[in-house]
């Protein structure tokens, strides 16, 4: 997939969200990526999970492995399913607890021919059928942005591009974070910035420098 196609896959749902459409093949799940005859991991009859790439497995910390997986995901080709699980698990430490608010997070690694990303859904309740309040995509996308401050927090390699109430795109070192509202209550500049501000932005910025 060309880089421009990946960008379209990320930004088209911004429009679709505003008019209540779903976008087939963009974002939401790995099922369409599976080769014929291969079932999703964990389902009856699924093939044994492929191991992590050796270069990733050799890294000591989950943060370093997550950073390496995001970089590898930008390259053409398919990552083994163990890399998906590793990335999904490691990213959880960067998300705030929302259980007390009746919310939950769903994190799914989306493996594309090139330009993979982590889909992060903020759900109103538990389970896949719970309404989605907002969604975020995290991916490797190097860009020469200057340092900025987010609500007074100095974050190296940080900058933002914003359409108030529609989306907030944040550059964190060599990573890009895109936040888009689903629920009407999230479609304000303040709501999106509050959501993004609750994440461990400093940690994600370090992750964008290789996880060190």
N, C-alpha and C. Protein backbone atom coordinates (compact mmCIF):
# COMPACT_ATOMS: atom_id res chain seq x y z
N UNK A 1 0.85 -1.20 0.00
CA UNK A 1 0.00 0.00 0.00
C UNK A 1 0.87 1.24 0.00
N UNK A 2 0.54 2.20 -0.83
CA UNK A 2 1.31 3.42 -0.88
C UNK A 2 1.06 4.26 0.37
N UNK A 3 2.06 5.11 0.69
CA UNK A 3 1.92 5.97 1.87
C UNK A 3 0.68 6.84 1.76
N UNK A 4 0.35 7.34 0.55
CA UNK A 4 -0.83 8.19 0.39
C UNK A 4 -2.10 7.41 0.68
N UNK A 5 -2.12 6.11 0.33
CA UNK A 5 -3.28 5.28 0.61
C UNK A 5 -3.46 5.09 2.10
N UNK A 6 -2.34 4.90 2.81
CA UNK A 6 -2.40 4.74 4.26
C UNK A 6 -2.94 6.01 4.89
N UNK A 7 -2.48 7.18 4.42
CA UNK A 7 -2.95 8.45 4.98
C UNK A 7 -4.45 8.59 4.75
N UNK A 8 -4.92 8.19 3.56
CA UNK A 8 -6.36 8.26 3.28
C UNK A 8 -7.12 7.35 4.22
N UNK A 9 -6.57 6.20 4.51
CA UNK A 9 -7.22 5.25 5.41
C UNK A 9 -7.35 5.84 6.81
N UNK A 10 -6.39 6.68 7.20
CA UNK A 10 -6.43 7.30 8.52
C UNK A 10 -7.39 8.47 8.57
N UNK A 11 -7.46 9.26 7.48
CA UNK A 11 -8.21 10.51 7.54
C UNK A 11 -9.62 10.42 7.01
N UNK A 12 -9.92 9.46 6.11
CA UNK A 12 -11.29 9.34 5.61
C UNK A 12 -12.29 9.12 6.74
N UNK A 13 -11.98 8.31 7.80
CA UNK A 13 -12.95 8.16 8.87
C UNK A 13 -13.29 9.46 9.58
N UNK A 14 -12.44 10.49 9.48
CA UNK A 14 -12.76 11.77 10.08
C UNK A 14 -14.05 12.31 9.48
N UNK A 15 -14.17 12.20 8.15
CA UNK A 15 -15.41 12.60 7.48
C UNK A 15 -16.53 11.62 7.79
N UNK A 16 -16.19 10.32 7.73
CA UNK A 16 -17.24 9.31 7.92
C UNK A 16 -17.86 9.42 9.30
N UNK A 17 -17.04 9.73 10.32
CA UNK A 17 -17.56 9.86 11.66
C UNK A 17 -18.63 10.94 11.72
N UNK A 18 -18.42 12.04 11.00
CA UNK A 18 -19.34 13.17 11.08
C UNK A 18 -20.68 12.88 10.41
N UNK A 19 -20.71 11.89 9.52
CA UNK A 19 -21.97 11.58 8.84
C UNK A 19 -22.48 10.19 9.17
N UNK A 20 -21.81 9.52 10.14
CA UNK A 20 -22.30 8.24 10.63
C UNK A 20 -22.02 7.06 9.73
N UNK A 21 -20.96 7.11 8.95
CA UNK A 21 -20.63 6.01 8.06
C UNK A 21 -19.54 5.14 8.65
N UNK A 22 -19.51 3.87 8.25
CA UNK A 22 -18.39 3.01 8.57
C UNK A 22 -17.51 2.89 7.35
N UNK A 23 -16.23 2.66 7.54
CA UNK A 23 -15.31 2.56 6.41
C UNK A 23 -14.77 1.13 6.35
N UNK A 24 -15.19 0.37 5.39
CA UNK A 24 -14.72 -1.00 5.25
C UNK A 24 -13.26 -0.99 4.83
N UNK A 25 -12.47 -1.83 5.49
CA UNK A 25 -11.08 -2.00 5.10
C UNK A 25 -10.16 -0.94 5.67
N UNK A 26 -10.67 0.07 6.35
CA UNK A 26 -9.83 1.11 6.95
C UNK A 26 -9.92 1.00 8.46
N UNK A 27 -8.87 0.66 9.06
CA UNK A 27 -8.85 0.82 10.51
C UNK A 27 -9.20 -0.42 11.24
N UNK A 28 -10.47 -0.82 11.20
CA UNK A 28 -10.90 -1.50 12.39
C UNK A 28 -10.40 -2.89 12.53
N UNK A 29 -10.20 -3.73 11.66
CA UNK A 29 -9.72 -4.99 12.15
C UNK A 29 -8.81 -5.73 11.21
N UNK A 30 -8.19 -6.78 11.77
CA UNK A 30 -7.20 -7.55 11.02
C UNK A 30 -7.85 -8.62 10.15
N UNK A 31 -9.12 -8.91 10.36
CA UNK A 31 -9.73 -10.06 9.69
C UNK A 31 -9.52 -10.02 8.18
N UNK A 32 -9.63 -8.83 7.58
CA UNK A 32 -9.49 -8.72 6.13
C UNK A 32 -8.06 -8.97 5.68
N UNK A 33 -7.09 -8.85 6.63
CA UNK A 33 -5.70 -9.06 6.28
C UNK A 33 -5.33 -10.54 6.22
N UNK A 34 -6.15 -11.40 6.84
CA UNK A 34 -5.79 -12.80 6.94
C UNK A 34 -5.80 -13.45 5.56
N UNK A 35 -4.83 -14.31 5.35
CA UNK A 35 -4.77 -15.02 4.09
C UNK A 35 -5.88 -16.07 4.05
N UNK A 36 -6.33 -16.46 2.86
CA UNK A 36 -7.38 -17.48 2.77
C UNK A 36 -7.01 -18.73 3.55
N UNK A 37 -7.95 -19.22 4.37
CA UNK A 37 -7.73 -20.43 5.14
C UNK A 37 -7.05 -20.22 6.47
N UNK A 38 -6.63 -19.00 6.78
CA UNK A 38 -5.98 -18.70 8.05
C UNK A 38 -6.97 -17.98 8.94
N UNK A 39 -7.18 -18.49 10.16
CA UNK A 39 -8.15 -17.89 11.05
C UNK A 39 -7.45 -16.95 12.03
N UNK A 40 -8.24 -16.08 12.63
CA UNK A 40 -7.67 -15.14 13.60
C UNK A 40 -7.09 -15.89 14.78
N UNK A 41 -6.01 -15.36 15.37
CA UNK A 41 -5.37 -16.00 16.52
C UNK A 41 -6.38 -16.16 17.64
N UNK A 42 -6.35 -17.32 18.29
CA UNK A 42 -7.24 -17.57 19.41
C UNK A 42 -8.53 -18.25 19.01
N UNK A 43 -8.86 -18.29 17.73
CA UNK A 43 -10.07 -18.95 17.29
C UNK A 43 -9.80 -20.43 17.05
N UNK A 44 -10.84 -21.28 17.15
CA UNK A 44 -10.65 -22.70 16.91
C UNK A 44 -10.03 -22.94 15.54
N UNK A 45 -9.00 -23.74 15.50
CA UNK A 45 -8.37 -24.07 14.24
C UNK A 45 -7.32 -23.07 13.80
N UNK A 46 -7.08 -22.02 14.62
CA UNK A 46 -6.10 -21.01 14.24
C UNK A 46 -4.70 -21.61 14.21
N UNK A 47 -3.89 -21.12 13.30
CA UNK A 47 -2.52 -21.58 13.21
C UNK A 47 -1.74 -21.14 14.45
N UNK A 48 -0.69 -21.87 14.77
CA UNK A 48 0.16 -21.51 15.92
C UNK A 48 0.77 -20.13 15.69
N UNK A 49 0.81 -19.32 16.78
CA UNK A 49 1.29 -17.94 16.65
C UNK A 49 2.76 -17.92 16.23
N UNK A 50 3.06 -17.05 15.28
CA UNK A 50 4.44 -16.90 14.82
C UNK A 50 5.25 -16.14 15.87
N UNK A 51 6.52 -16.45 16.04
CA UNK A 51 7.32 -15.78 17.06
C UNK A 51 7.70 -14.37 16.66
N UNK A 52 8.20 -13.61 17.65
CA UNK A 52 8.69 -12.27 17.38
C UNK A 52 9.90 -12.32 16.45
N UNK A 53 10.08 -11.28 15.62
CA UNK A 53 11.34 -11.19 14.86
C UNK A 53 12.52 -11.20 15.82
N UNK A 54 13.60 -11.83 15.43
CA UNK A 54 14.76 -11.98 16.32
C UNK A 54 15.28 -10.63 16.82
N UNK A 55 15.29 -9.62 15.92
CA UNK A 55 15.81 -8.31 16.32
C UNK A 55 14.95 -7.67 17.40
N UNK A 56 13.65 -7.97 17.40
CA UNK A 56 12.74 -7.43 18.43
C UNK A 56 12.88 -8.23 19.71
N UNK A 57 12.90 -9.55 19.60
CA UNK A 57 12.98 -10.42 20.78
C UNK A 57 14.26 -10.17 21.58
N UNK A 58 15.32 -9.71 20.92
CA UNK A 58 16.60 -9.49 21.60
C UNK A 58 16.60 -8.24 22.47
N UNK A 59 15.62 -7.36 22.29
CA UNK A 59 15.57 -6.12 23.06
C UNK A 59 15.06 -6.38 24.47
N UNK A 60 15.61 -5.65 25.44
CA UNK A 60 15.38 -5.97 26.85
C UNK A 60 14.02 -5.52 27.36
N UNK A 61 13.57 -4.32 26.97
CA UNK A 61 12.37 -3.75 27.59
C UNK A 61 11.18 -3.76 26.65
N UNK A 62 9.95 -3.82 27.21
CA UNK A 62 8.76 -3.73 26.37
C UNK A 62 8.70 -2.44 25.55
N UNK A 63 9.21 -1.34 26.12
CA UNK A 63 9.21 -0.07 25.40
C UNK A 63 10.09 -0.14 24.17
N UNK A 64 11.27 -0.72 24.30
CA UNK A 64 12.17 -0.85 23.16
C UNK A 64 11.56 -1.77 22.10
N UNK A 65 10.92 -2.85 22.54
CA UNK A 65 10.30 -3.76 21.58
C UNK A 65 9.14 -3.09 20.86
N UNK A 66 8.33 -2.31 21.60
CA UNK A 66 7.22 -1.60 20.97
C UNK A 66 7.73 -0.61 19.93
N UNK A 67 8.78 0.15 20.29
CA UNK A 67 9.35 1.12 19.35
C UNK A 67 9.85 0.41 18.09
N UNK A 68 10.52 -0.73 18.27
CA UNK A 68 11.06 -1.47 17.13
C UNK A 68 9.94 -2.02 16.25
N UNK A 69 8.85 -2.48 16.86
CA UNK A 69 7.72 -3.02 16.09
C UNK A 69 7.06 -1.92 15.27
N UNK A 70 6.92 -0.74 15.84
CA UNK A 70 6.31 0.37 15.09
C UNK A 70 7.16 0.75 13.89
N UNK A 71 8.48 0.74 14.05
CA UNK A 71 9.37 1.04 12.93
C UNK A 71 9.26 -0.04 11.86
N UNK A 72 9.28 -1.31 12.28
CA UNK A 72 9.17 -2.41 11.33
C UNK A 72 7.83 -2.38 10.60
N UNK A 73 6.78 -1.94 11.30
CA UNK A 73 5.46 -1.89 10.70
C UNK A 73 5.34 -0.87 9.59
N UNK A 74 6.28 0.06 9.53
CA UNK A 74 6.26 1.07 8.47
C UNK A 74 6.82 0.51 7.16
N UNK A 75 7.49 -0.63 7.25
CA UNK A 75 8.14 -1.21 6.08
C UNK A 75 7.18 -2.18 5.38
N UNK A 76 7.39 -2.41 4.09
CA UNK A 76 6.54 -3.38 3.37
C UNK A 76 6.65 -4.77 3.98
N UNK A 77 5.56 -5.50 3.95
CA UNK A 77 5.57 -6.85 4.47
C UNK A 77 4.68 -7.00 5.68
N UNK A 78 4.56 -8.22 6.13
CA UNK A 78 3.65 -8.56 7.22
C UNK A 78 4.45 -8.96 8.46
N UNK A 79 4.04 -8.48 9.62
CA UNK A 79 4.70 -8.86 10.86
C UNK A 79 4.05 -10.11 11.44
N UNK A 80 4.81 -10.93 12.18
CA UNK A 80 4.21 -12.11 12.81
C UNK A 80 3.20 -11.70 13.87
N UNK A 81 2.24 -12.56 14.14
CA UNK A 81 1.18 -12.24 15.08
C UNK A 81 1.70 -11.97 16.49
N UNK A 82 2.82 -12.56 16.87
CA UNK A 82 3.38 -12.29 18.19
C UNK A 82 3.77 -10.82 18.33
N UNK A 83 4.15 -10.19 17.24
CA UNK A 83 4.49 -8.76 17.28
C UNK A 83 3.23 -7.93 17.53
N UNK A 84 2.10 -8.32 16.95
CA UNK A 84 0.85 -7.62 17.23
C UNK A 84 0.55 -7.64 18.72
N UNK A 85 0.62 -8.85 19.30
CA UNK A 85 0.30 -9.02 20.72
C UNK A 85 1.26 -8.22 21.60
N UNK A 86 2.52 -8.27 21.26
CA UNK A 86 3.53 -7.53 22.03
C UNK A 86 3.23 -6.05 22.01
N UNK A 87 2.93 -5.50 20.84
CA UNK A 87 2.66 -4.07 20.72
C UNK A 87 1.39 -3.68 21.48
N UNK A 88 0.34 -4.48 21.35
CA UNK A 88 -0.92 -4.18 22.04
C UNK A 88 -0.73 -4.18 23.54
N UNK A 89 0.01 -5.16 24.05
CA UNK A 89 0.24 -5.25 25.50
C UNK A 89 1.10 -4.11 26.00
N UNK A 90 2.17 -3.79 25.29
CA UNK A 90 3.10 -2.75 25.73
C UNK A 90 2.45 -1.37 25.73
N UNK A 91 1.57 -1.11 24.77
CA UNK A 91 0.97 0.21 24.69
C UNK A 91 0.05 0.51 25.87
N UNK A 92 -0.47 -0.52 26.52
CA UNK A 92 -1.42 -0.33 27.62
C UNK A 92 -0.84 0.55 28.73
N UNK A 93 0.48 0.49 28.94
CA UNK A 93 1.09 1.27 30.02
C UNK A 93 1.08 2.77 29.75
N UNK A 94 0.79 3.18 28.51
CA UNK A 94 0.76 4.61 28.16
C UNK A 94 -0.66 5.19 28.24
N UNK A 95 -1.64 4.34 28.55
CA UNK A 95 -3.03 4.78 28.59
C UNK A 95 -3.49 4.94 30.04
N UNK A 96 -4.27 5.98 30.34
CA UNK A 96 -4.75 6.16 31.71
C UNK A 96 -5.86 5.18 32.03
N UNK A 97 -6.06 4.91 33.32
CA UNK A 97 -7.17 4.07 33.75
C UNK A 97 -8.47 4.86 33.60
N UNK A 98 -9.47 4.23 32.97
CA UNK A 98 -10.76 4.90 32.76
C UNK A 98 -11.91 4.06 33.31
N UNK A 99 -11.61 2.98 34.02
CA UNK A 99 -12.64 2.06 34.51
C UNK A 99 -13.63 2.76 35.43
N UNK A 100 -13.13 3.63 36.31
CA UNK A 100 -14.01 4.32 37.25
C UNK A 100 -15.01 5.22 36.55
N UNK A 101 -14.74 5.59 35.30
CA UNK A 101 -15.64 6.44 34.53
C UNK A 101 -16.62 5.62 33.68
N UNK A 102 -16.58 4.30 33.85
CA UNK A 102 -17.44 3.44 33.04
C UNK A 102 -16.97 3.27 31.62
N UNK A 103 -15.68 3.53 31.38
CA UNK A 103 -15.10 3.45 30.04
C UNK A 103 -14.07 2.33 29.98
N UNK A 104 -13.62 2.00 28.79
CA UNK A 104 -12.56 1.01 28.62
C UNK A 104 -11.78 1.31 27.35
N UNK A 105 -10.59 0.76 27.27
CA UNK A 105 -9.75 0.90 26.08
C UNK A 105 -9.76 -0.41 25.29
N UNK A 106 -9.71 -0.30 23.98
CA UNK A 106 -9.49 -1.45 23.11
C UNK A 106 -8.33 -1.09 22.19
N UNK A 107 -7.28 -1.91 22.23
CA UNK A 107 -6.09 -1.66 21.41
C UNK A 107 -5.90 -2.82 20.45
N UNK A 108 -5.82 -2.51 19.17
CA UNK A 108 -5.64 -3.55 18.15
C UNK A 108 -4.57 -3.11 17.14
N UNK A 109 -3.57 -3.96 16.97
CA UNK A 109 -2.54 -3.70 15.97
C UNK A 109 -3.13 -4.00 14.59
N UNK A 110 -3.05 -3.03 13.70
CA UNK A 110 -3.58 -3.17 12.35
C UNK A 110 -2.43 -3.33 11.37
N UNK A 111 -2.31 -4.53 10.82
CA UNK A 111 -1.19 -4.87 9.94
C UNK A 111 -1.61 -4.66 8.49
N UNK A 112 -1.02 -3.64 7.86
CA UNK A 112 -1.26 -3.33 6.45
C UNK A 112 -0.04 -3.74 5.63
N UNK A 113 -0.15 -3.76 4.31
CA UNK A 113 1.03 -4.06 3.49
C UNK A 113 2.21 -3.14 3.79
N UNK A 114 1.93 -1.90 4.19
CA UNK A 114 2.95 -0.97 4.69
C UNK A 114 2.21 0.10 5.46
N UNK A 115 2.88 0.71 6.45
CA UNK A 115 2.24 1.76 7.23
C UNK A 115 1.29 1.22 8.28
N UNK A 116 1.71 0.17 9.01
CA UNK A 116 0.89 -0.39 10.09
C UNK A 116 0.61 0.67 11.15
N UNK A 117 -0.45 0.47 11.93
CA UNK A 117 -0.71 1.38 13.05
C UNK A 117 -1.41 0.64 14.18
N UNK A 118 -1.36 1.22 15.36
CA UNK A 118 -2.11 0.73 16.51
C UNK A 118 -3.41 1.52 16.59
N UNK A 119 -4.54 0.82 16.53
CA UNK A 119 -5.85 1.45 16.68
C UNK A 119 -6.23 1.41 18.15
N UNK A 120 -6.54 2.58 18.71
CA UNK A 120 -6.84 2.70 20.14
C UNK A 120 -8.25 3.27 20.25
N UNK A 121 -9.20 2.47 20.72
CA UNK A 121 -10.58 2.91 20.84
C UNK A 121 -10.93 3.17 22.30
N UNK A 122 -11.55 4.32 22.56
CA UNK A 122 -12.09 4.61 23.89
C UNK A 122 -13.57 4.25 23.85
N UNK A 123 -13.96 3.22 24.63
CA UNK A 123 -15.30 2.67 24.57
C UNK A 123 -16.13 3.10 25.78
N UNK A 124 -17.41 3.27 25.56
CA UNK A 124 -18.35 3.59 26.63
C UNK A 124 -18.92 2.29 27.17
N UNK A 125 -18.15 1.63 28.04
CA UNK A 125 -18.52 0.33 28.57
C UNK A 125 -17.47 -0.70 28.21
N UNK A 126 -17.85 -1.98 28.28
CA UNK A 126 -16.93 -3.08 28.00
C UNK A 126 -17.40 -3.86 26.78
N UNK A 127 -16.48 -4.50 26.10
CA UNK A 127 -16.83 -5.39 25.01
C UNK A 127 -16.86 -4.70 23.66
N UNK A 128 -16.76 -5.51 22.61
CA UNK A 128 -16.65 -4.96 21.26
C UNK A 128 -17.91 -4.25 20.78
N UNK A 129 -19.06 -4.52 21.42
CA UNK A 129 -20.29 -3.87 21.01
C UNK A 129 -20.54 -2.54 21.72
N UNK A 130 -19.65 -2.19 22.65
CA UNK A 130 -19.81 -0.93 23.38
C UNK A 130 -19.63 0.25 22.43
N UNK A 131 -20.43 1.32 22.59
CA UNK A 131 -20.26 2.50 21.73
C UNK A 131 -18.86 3.08 21.87
N UNK A 132 -18.34 3.60 20.79
CA UNK A 132 -16.99 4.18 20.79
C UNK A 132 -17.10 5.69 20.99
N UNK A 133 -16.41 6.20 21.99
CA UNK A 133 -16.43 7.63 22.28
C UNK A 133 -15.45 8.39 21.40
N UNK A 134 -14.30 7.80 21.18
CA UNK A 134 -13.26 8.42 20.34
C UNK A 134 -12.29 7.34 19.92
N UNK A 135 -11.53 7.61 18.86
CA UNK A 135 -10.50 6.66 18.47
C UNK A 135 -9.20 7.40 18.17
N UNK A 136 -8.12 6.65 18.36
CA UNK A 136 -6.78 7.19 18.11
C UNK A 136 -6.00 6.18 17.28
N UNK A 137 -5.09 6.69 16.45
CA UNK A 137 -4.16 5.84 15.72
C UNK A 137 -2.74 6.28 16.08
N UNK A 138 -1.89 5.30 16.36
CA UNK A 138 -0.48 5.57 16.64
C UNK A 138 0.35 4.83 15.62
N UNK A 139 1.25 5.55 14.94
CA UNK A 139 2.06 4.94 13.91
C UNK A 139 3.41 5.65 13.80
N UNK A 140 4.34 4.97 13.14
CA UNK A 140 5.67 5.52 12.89
C UNK A 140 5.60 6.41 11.67
N UNK A 141 5.90 7.67 11.85
CA UNK A 141 5.89 8.61 10.73
C UNK A 141 6.87 9.75 11.03
N UNK A 142 8.14 9.58 10.69
CA UNK A 142 9.11 10.65 10.96
C UNK A 142 8.73 11.94 10.26
N UNK A 143 8.86 13.05 10.97
CA UNK A 143 8.54 14.36 10.38
C UNK A 143 9.36 15.42 11.11
N UNK A 144 9.91 16.39 10.38
CA UNK A 144 10.76 17.41 10.99
C UNK A 144 9.93 18.53 11.64
N UNK A 145 9.24 18.21 12.73
CA UNK A 145 8.46 19.23 13.43
C UNK A 145 9.29 19.84 14.55
N UNK A 146 9.08 21.13 14.86
CA UNK A 146 9.78 21.76 15.98
C UNK A 146 9.17 21.33 17.31
N UNK A 147 9.89 21.59 18.38
CA UNK A 147 9.37 21.33 19.72
C UNK A 147 8.29 22.34 20.07
N UNK A 148 7.23 21.88 20.70
CA UNK A 148 6.18 22.75 21.20
C UNK A 148 5.86 22.37 22.64
N UNK A 149 4.95 23.10 23.25
CA UNK A 149 4.49 22.76 24.60
C UNK A 149 3.02 22.41 24.53
N UNK A 150 2.64 21.36 25.26
CA UNK A 150 1.24 20.94 25.31
C UNK A 150 0.73 21.23 26.72
N UNK A 151 -0.14 22.23 26.83
CA UNK A 151 -0.67 22.63 28.14
C UNK A 151 0.45 22.85 29.15
N UNK A 152 1.50 23.51 28.69
CA UNK A 152 2.62 23.83 29.58
C UNK A 152 3.63 22.73 29.75
N UNK A 153 3.44 21.58 29.10
CA UNK A 153 4.37 20.45 29.26
C UNK A 153 5.39 20.48 28.12
N UNK A 154 6.67 20.68 28.43
CA UNK A 154 7.68 20.66 27.37
C UNK A 154 7.93 19.22 26.93
N UNK A 155 7.70 18.93 25.67
CA UNK A 155 7.85 17.58 25.15
C UNK A 155 8.72 17.64 23.91
N UNK A 156 9.85 16.97 23.96
CA UNK A 156 10.80 17.03 22.86
C UNK A 156 10.21 16.39 21.61
N UNK A 157 10.38 17.06 20.46
CA UNK A 157 9.89 16.53 19.20
C UNK A 157 8.39 16.55 19.08
N UNK A 158 7.75 17.48 19.76
CA UNK A 158 6.28 17.50 19.84
C UNK A 158 5.72 18.66 19.03
N UNK A 159 4.64 18.41 18.29
CA UNK A 159 3.91 19.48 17.64
C UNK A 159 2.51 18.98 17.34
N UNK A 160 1.60 19.89 17.01
CA UNK A 160 0.22 19.51 16.76
C UNK A 160 -0.29 20.14 15.46
N UNK A 161 -1.23 19.45 14.82
CA UNK A 161 -2.03 19.98 13.72
C UNK A 161 -3.47 19.71 14.11
N UNK A 162 -4.31 20.74 14.09
CA UNK A 162 -5.63 20.60 14.69
C UNK A 162 -6.72 21.22 13.83
N UNK A 163 -7.83 20.49 13.68
CA UNK A 163 -9.08 21.06 13.18
C UNK A 163 -10.05 20.95 14.35
N UNK A 164 -10.30 22.04 15.07
CA UNK A 164 -11.06 21.96 16.32
C UNK A 164 -12.36 21.18 16.19
N UNK A 165 -12.53 20.19 17.07
CA UNK A 165 -13.73 19.38 17.09
C UNK A 165 -13.78 18.27 16.06
N UNK A 166 -12.81 18.23 15.14
CA UNK A 166 -12.80 17.22 14.07
C UNK A 166 -11.67 16.22 14.26
N UNK A 167 -10.48 16.69 14.44
CA UNK A 167 -9.38 15.79 14.76
C UNK A 167 -8.21 16.59 15.32
N UNK A 168 -7.34 15.87 16.02
CA UNK A 168 -6.11 16.43 16.57
C UNK A 168 -4.98 15.47 16.21
N UNK A 169 -4.02 15.95 15.45
CA UNK A 169 -2.86 15.14 15.07
C UNK A 169 -1.65 15.64 15.83
N UNK A 170 -0.97 14.73 16.49
CA UNK A 170 0.14 15.08 17.36
C UNK A 170 1.39 14.34 16.89
N UNK A 171 2.48 15.06 16.72
CA UNK A 171 3.76 14.45 16.38
C UNK A 171 4.57 14.30 17.65
N UNK A 172 5.03 13.07 17.92
CA UNK A 172 5.80 12.76 19.13
C UNK A 172 7.10 12.10 18.69
N UNK A 173 8.14 12.93 18.49
CA UNK A 173 9.37 12.39 17.95
C UNK A 173 9.09 11.85 16.56
N UNK A 174 9.32 10.54 16.35
CA UNK A 174 9.08 9.94 15.04
C UNK A 174 7.74 9.20 14.98
N UNK A 175 6.88 9.43 15.98
CA UNK A 175 5.56 8.81 16.00
C UNK A 175 4.49 9.86 15.76
N UNK A 176 3.39 9.42 15.14
CA UNK A 176 2.24 10.29 14.95
C UNK A 176 1.05 9.69 15.69
N UNK A 177 0.33 10.55 16.41
CA UNK A 177 -0.88 10.17 17.12
C UNK A 177 -2.03 10.99 16.55
N UNK A 178 -3.05 10.29 16.05
CA UNK A 178 -4.23 10.95 15.49
C UNK A 178 -5.40 10.65 16.40
N UNK A 179 -6.10 11.70 16.88
CA UNK A 179 -7.27 11.54 17.74
C UNK A 179 -8.49 12.09 17.03
N UNK A 180 -9.56 11.29 16.98
CA UNK A 180 -10.79 11.66 16.27
C UNK A 180 -11.99 11.32 17.16
N UNK A 181 -12.96 12.23 17.29
CA UNK A 181 -14.13 11.95 18.13
C UNK A 181 -15.18 11.11 17.42
N UNK A 182 -15.92 10.32 18.19
CA UNK A 182 -17.11 9.64 17.70
C UNK A 182 -18.35 10.24 18.37
N UNK A 183 -18.36 10.24 19.71
CA UNK A 183 -19.50 10.76 20.46
C UNK A 183 -19.59 12.28 20.31
N UNK A 184 -20.82 12.80 20.31
CA UNK A 184 -21.02 14.24 20.15
C UNK A 184 -20.29 15.03 21.22
N UNK A 185 -20.23 14.48 22.44
CA UNK A 185 -19.60 15.19 23.55
C UNK A 185 -18.10 15.38 23.35
N UNK A 186 -17.51 14.60 22.44
CA UNK A 186 -16.07 14.69 22.20
C UNK A 186 -15.74 15.65 21.06
N UNK A 187 -16.74 16.19 20.38
CA UNK A 187 -16.49 16.98 19.17
C UNK A 187 -16.26 18.45 19.48
N UNK A 188 -15.36 18.68 20.43
CA UNK A 188 -14.93 20.04 20.74
C UNK A 188 -13.41 20.03 20.87
N UNK A 189 -12.83 21.19 20.66
CA UNK A 189 -11.37 21.30 20.80
C UNK A 189 -10.94 20.91 22.20
N UNK A 190 -11.67 21.38 23.22
CA UNK A 190 -11.29 21.11 24.61
C UNK A 190 -11.37 19.62 24.93
N UNK A 191 -12.40 18.93 24.43
CA UNK A 191 -12.57 17.51 24.74
C UNK A 191 -11.44 16.68 24.14
N UNK A 192 -11.08 16.96 22.89
CA UNK A 192 -10.01 16.19 22.26
C UNK A 192 -8.67 16.45 22.93
N UNK A 193 -8.40 17.71 23.25
CA UNK A 193 -7.13 18.02 23.90
C UNK A 193 -7.08 17.41 25.30
N UNK A 194 -8.21 17.36 25.99
CA UNK A 194 -8.23 16.76 27.31
C UNK A 194 -7.95 15.27 27.22
N UNK A 195 -8.54 14.60 26.21
CA UNK A 195 -8.29 13.18 26.02
C UNK A 195 -6.82 12.91 25.73
N UNK A 196 -6.26 13.62 24.78
CA UNK A 196 -4.85 13.41 24.42
C UNK A 196 -3.94 13.75 25.59
N UNK A 197 -4.29 14.79 26.34
CA UNK A 197 -3.47 15.20 27.47
C UNK A 197 -3.41 14.19 28.59
N UNK A 198 -4.37 13.27 28.64
CA UNK A 198 -4.37 12.24 29.68
C UNK A 198 -3.41 11.09 29.36
N UNK A 199 -2.98 11.00 28.12
CA UNK A 199 -2.03 9.95 27.76
C UNK A 199 -0.64 10.31 28.28
N UNK A 200 0.22 9.32 28.34
CA UNK A 200 1.62 9.55 28.74
C UNK A 200 2.38 10.09 27.53
N UNK A 201 2.20 11.38 27.26
CA UNK A 201 2.82 11.97 26.08
C UNK A 201 4.33 11.99 26.18
N UNK A 202 4.84 12.25 27.38
CA UNK A 202 6.28 12.26 27.54
C UNK A 202 6.87 10.87 27.23
N UNK A 203 6.18 9.82 27.72
CA UNK A 203 6.64 8.47 27.44
C UNK A 203 6.53 8.12 25.97
N UNK A 204 5.46 8.55 25.31
CA UNK A 204 5.31 8.30 23.89
C UNK A 204 6.37 9.04 23.08
N UNK A 205 6.74 10.26 23.53
CA UNK A 205 7.81 11.00 22.85
C UNK A 205 9.13 10.26 22.96
N UNK A 206 9.39 9.66 24.14
CA UNK A 206 10.61 8.85 24.30
C UNK A 206 10.53 7.61 23.40
N UNK A 207 9.34 7.04 23.31
CA UNK A 207 9.13 5.89 22.44
C UNK A 207 9.45 6.27 21.00
N UNK A 208 9.10 7.50 20.62
CA UNK A 208 9.38 7.99 19.27
C UNK A 208 10.86 8.24 19.02
N UNK A 209 11.67 8.11 20.08
CA UNK A 209 13.12 8.21 19.93
C UNK A 209 13.80 6.86 20.10
N UNK A 210 12.99 5.80 20.02
CA UNK A 210 13.54 4.44 20.10
C UNK A 210 13.22 3.71 21.38
N UNK A 211 12.39 4.32 22.25
CA UNK A 211 11.97 3.66 23.47
C UNK A 211 13.00 3.69 24.58
N UNK A 212 13.99 4.59 24.48
CA UNK A 212 15.03 4.66 25.50
C UNK A 212 14.80 5.83 26.42
